[in-house]
Amino acid sequence: MLIEPTFKNQFSKLVIDYVSKHNSTYMDAILKICEDYNMEPQGASKLLTKPIIEKLVEEGRDLHLLPKKAKLPF
């Protein structure tokens, strides 16, 4: 599946907007947007930008879901 950079940027903007409007975590925002657009969360991993991935890793560490030096598989 070829993903256009503009769609990747739009998805990232949706995630950032949702986080700021609803005072939500990035993981919750991604899952909610996937639900709204009938997307599989696994497919959304290809749409995440580096800053959002970094925020996800930070959230995972804060919640003790990831070890200190974790690397996500996407």
N, C-alpha and C. Protein backbone atom coordinates (compact mmCIF):
# COMPACT_ATOMS: atom_id res chain seq x y z
N MET A 1 0.84 -1.18 0.00
CA MET A 1 0.00 0.00 0.00
C MET A 1 0.89 1.24 0.00
N LEU A 2 0.70 2.06 -0.97
CA LEU A 2 1.47 3.30 -1.08
C LEU A 2 0.72 4.40 -0.35
N ILE A 3 1.42 5.05 0.55
CA ILE A 3 0.79 6.09 1.36
C ILE A 3 1.36 7.43 0.95
N GLU A 4 0.48 8.33 0.58
CA GLU A 4 0.93 9.66 0.18
C GLU A 4 1.36 10.46 1.41
N PRO A 5 2.42 11.25 1.27
CA PRO A 5 2.88 12.06 2.41
C PRO A 5 1.82 13.01 2.94
N THR A 6 0.95 13.51 2.08
CA THR A 6 -0.08 14.44 2.55
C THR A 6 -1.07 13.73 3.47
N PHE A 7 -1.41 12.48 3.14
CA PHE A 7 -2.33 11.73 4.01
C PHE A 7 -1.66 11.42 5.33
N LYS A 8 -0.37 11.12 5.29
CA LYS A 8 0.38 10.87 6.53
C LYS A 8 0.38 12.12 7.41
N ASN A 9 0.57 13.27 6.80
CA ASN A 9 0.54 14.52 7.55
C ASN A 9 -0.85 14.83 8.09
N GLN A 10 -1.89 14.53 7.31
CA GLN A 10 -3.26 14.75 7.77
C GLN A 10 -3.58 13.87 8.97
N PHE A 11 -3.15 12.61 8.91
CA PHE A 11 -3.39 11.69 10.02
C PHE A 11 -2.69 12.20 11.27
N SER A 12 -1.46 12.64 11.11
CA SER A 12 -0.70 13.16 12.25
C SER A 12 -1.38 14.40 12.83
N LYS A 13 -1.89 15.26 11.96
CA LYS A 13 -2.57 16.46 12.44
C LYS A 13 -3.84 16.07 13.20
N LEU A 14 -4.58 15.09 12.71
CA LEU A 14 -5.77 14.61 13.42
C LEU A 14 -5.41 14.11 14.81
N VAL A 15 -4.32 13.37 14.91
CA VAL A 15 -3.89 12.83 16.21
C VAL A 15 -3.52 13.96 17.15
N ILE A 16 -2.72 14.90 16.68
CA ILE A 16 -2.27 16.01 17.52
C ILE A 16 -3.46 16.87 17.96
N ASP A 17 -4.38 17.13 17.04
CA ASP A 17 -5.57 17.92 17.37
C ASP A 17 -6.43 17.21 18.41
N TYR A 18 -6.61 15.91 18.25
CA TYR A 18 -7.42 15.15 19.21
C TYR A 18 -6.78 15.17 20.60
N VAL A 19 -5.47 15.00 20.66
CA VAL A 19 -4.77 15.01 21.95
C VAL A 19 -4.95 16.35 22.64
N SER A 20 -4.81 17.44 21.90
CA SER A 20 -4.91 18.76 22.52
C SER A 20 -6.36 19.10 22.90
N LYS A 21 -7.33 18.72 22.09
CA LYS A 21 -8.74 19.04 22.38
C LYS A 21 -9.29 18.24 23.55
N HIS A 22 -8.92 16.96 23.63
CA HIS A 22 -9.53 16.06 24.61
C HIS A 22 -8.61 15.73 25.77
N ASN A 23 -7.45 16.36 25.83
CA ASN A 23 -6.48 16.09 26.89
C ASN A 23 -6.27 14.57 27.02
N SER A 24 -6.01 13.94 25.90
CA SER A 24 -5.93 12.50 25.79
C SER A 24 -4.48 12.06 25.58
N THR A 25 -4.26 10.76 25.69
CA THR A 25 -2.94 10.22 25.35
C THR A 25 -2.88 10.02 23.84
N TYR A 26 -1.68 9.89 23.32
CA TYR A 26 -1.51 9.67 21.89
C TYR A 26 -2.08 8.32 21.48
N MET A 27 -1.90 7.30 22.32
CA MET A 27 -2.43 5.98 22.00
C MET A 27 -3.95 6.02 21.90
N ASP A 28 -4.60 6.67 22.85
CA ASP A 28 -6.07 6.78 22.81
C ASP A 28 -6.52 7.56 21.58
N ALA A 29 -5.80 8.61 21.24
CA ALA A 29 -6.15 9.41 20.07
C ALA A 29 -6.04 8.59 18.79
N ILE A 30 -4.97 7.83 18.66
CA ILE A 30 -4.78 7.00 17.47
C ILE A 30 -5.89 5.97 17.36
N LEU A 31 -6.20 5.32 18.47
CA LEU A 31 -7.26 4.30 18.44
C LEU A 31 -8.62 4.91 18.12
N LYS A 32 -8.91 6.08 18.66
CA LYS A 32 -10.19 6.76 18.38
C LYS A 32 -10.28 7.16 16.91
N ILE A 33 -9.22 7.68 16.36
CA ILE A 33 -9.23 8.09 14.95
C ILE A 33 -9.36 6.86 14.05
N CYS A 34 -8.69 5.78 14.40
CA CYS A 34 -8.84 4.54 13.64
C CYS A 34 -10.29 4.06 13.68
N GLU A 35 -10.89 4.15 14.83
CA GLU A 35 -12.30 3.75 14.97
C GLU A 35 -13.19 4.65 14.12
N ASP A 36 -12.97 5.95 14.17
CA ASP A 36 -13.79 6.90 13.41
C ASP A 36 -13.68 6.67 11.91
N TYR A 37 -12.50 6.29 11.43
CA TYR A 37 -12.26 6.12 9.99
C TYR A 37 -12.27 4.65 9.56
N ASN A 38 -12.75 3.76 10.45
CA ASN A 38 -12.82 2.32 10.15
C ASN A 38 -11.49 1.77 9.65
N MET A 39 -10.44 2.12 10.36
CA MET A 39 -9.09 1.64 10.03
C MET A 39 -8.64 0.64 11.07
N GLU A 40 -7.78 -0.27 10.67
CA GLU A 40 -7.14 -1.16 11.62
C GLU A 40 -5.97 -0.41 12.26
N PRO A 41 -5.78 -0.54 13.57
CA PRO A 41 -4.65 0.14 14.22
C PRO A 41 -3.30 -0.28 13.64
N GLN A 42 -3.19 -1.52 13.16
CA GLN A 42 -1.93 -1.96 12.55
C GLN A 42 -1.62 -1.15 11.29
N GLY A 43 -2.65 -0.78 10.56
CA GLY A 43 -2.46 0.04 9.36
C GLY A 43 -2.06 1.47 9.69
N ALA A 44 -2.49 1.93 10.84
CA ALA A 44 -2.17 3.30 11.25
C ALA A 44 -0.68 3.45 11.56
N SER A 45 -0.02 2.36 11.87
CA SER A 45 1.41 2.45 12.22
C SER A 45 2.22 3.02 11.06
N LYS A 46 1.76 2.80 9.84
CA LYS A 46 2.47 3.33 8.67
C LYS A 46 2.23 4.82 8.48
N LEU A 47 1.25 5.35 9.19
CA LEU A 47 0.89 6.76 9.04
C LEU A 47 1.50 7.65 10.12
N LEU A 48 2.16 7.04 11.09
CA LEU A 48 2.70 7.81 12.21
C LEU A 48 4.00 8.49 11.83
N THR A 49 4.11 9.74 12.21
CA THR A 49 5.35 10.46 11.98
C THR A 49 6.30 10.22 13.14
N LYS A 50 7.54 10.57 12.93
CA LYS A 50 8.56 10.33 13.96
C LYS A 50 8.23 11.02 15.29
N PRO A 51 7.78 12.27 15.29
CA PRO A 51 7.44 12.90 16.58
C PRO A 51 6.33 12.17 17.33
N ILE A 52 5.34 11.64 16.62
CA ILE A 52 4.27 10.93 17.29
C ILE A 52 4.78 9.59 17.82
N ILE A 53 5.63 8.92 17.07
CA ILE A 53 6.22 7.67 17.54
C ILE A 53 7.02 7.93 18.81
N GLU A 54 7.75 9.02 18.85
CA GLU A 54 8.53 9.36 20.04
C GLU A 54 7.61 9.61 21.24
N LYS A 55 6.48 10.27 21.01
CA LYS A 55 5.51 10.49 22.09
C LYS A 55 4.92 9.18 22.58
N LEU A 56 4.64 8.25 21.66
CA LEU A 56 4.12 6.94 22.04
C LEU A 56 5.12 6.17 22.91
N VAL A 57 6.38 6.23 22.53
CA VAL A 57 7.42 5.55 23.30
C VAL A 57 7.51 6.17 24.69
N GLU A 58 7.46 7.49 24.75
CA GLU A 58 7.51 8.20 26.04
C GLU A 58 6.31 7.81 26.92
N GLU A 59 5.11 7.75 26.33
CA GLU A 59 3.93 7.34 27.08
C GLU A 59 4.08 5.91 27.59
N GLY A 60 4.59 5.04 26.76
CA GLY A 60 4.78 3.65 27.16
C GLY A 60 5.75 3.51 28.31
N ARG A 61 6.80 4.30 28.29
CA ARG A 61 7.77 4.28 29.39
C ARG A 61 7.16 4.84 30.66
N ASP A 62 6.41 5.92 30.54
CA ASP A 62 5.77 6.53 31.71
C ASP A 62 4.77 5.58 32.38
N LEU A 63 4.12 4.76 31.58
CA LEU A 63 3.14 3.81 32.10
C LEU A 63 3.77 2.46 32.45
N HIS A 64 5.08 2.37 32.31
CA HIS A 64 5.84 1.14 32.59
C HIS A 64 5.41 -0.01 31.69
N LEU A 65 4.98 0.32 30.47
CA LEU A 65 4.63 -0.69 29.49
C LEU A 65 5.82 -1.06 28.62
N LEU A 66 6.80 -0.17 28.58
CA LEU A 66 8.01 -0.39 27.79
C LEU A 66 9.23 -0.24 28.69
N PRO A 67 10.25 -1.03 28.43
CA PRO A 67 11.48 -0.84 29.20
C PRO A 67 12.14 0.49 28.84
N LYS A 68 13.11 0.88 29.63
CA LYS A 68 13.77 2.19 29.44
C LYS A 68 14.35 2.37 28.04
N LYS A 69 14.84 1.31 27.42
CA LYS A 69 15.47 1.42 26.10
C LYS A 69 14.71 0.64 25.05
N ALA A 70 13.41 0.80 25.02
CA ALA A 70 12.56 0.05 24.07
C ALA A 70 12.57 0.69 22.70
N LYS A 71 12.38 -0.15 21.71
CA LYS A 71 12.21 0.31 20.34
C LYS A 71 10.96 -0.35 19.78
N LEU A 72 10.00 0.46 19.34
CA LEU A 72 8.76 -0.09 18.81
C LEU A 72 9.02 -0.72 17.45
N PRO A 73 8.25 -1.75 17.09
CA PRO A 73 8.51 -2.48 15.85
C PRO A 73 7.94 -1.84 14.59
N PHE A 74 7.81 -0.51 14.54
CA PHE A 74 7.35 0.10 13.30
C PHE A 74 8.16 1.29 12.94
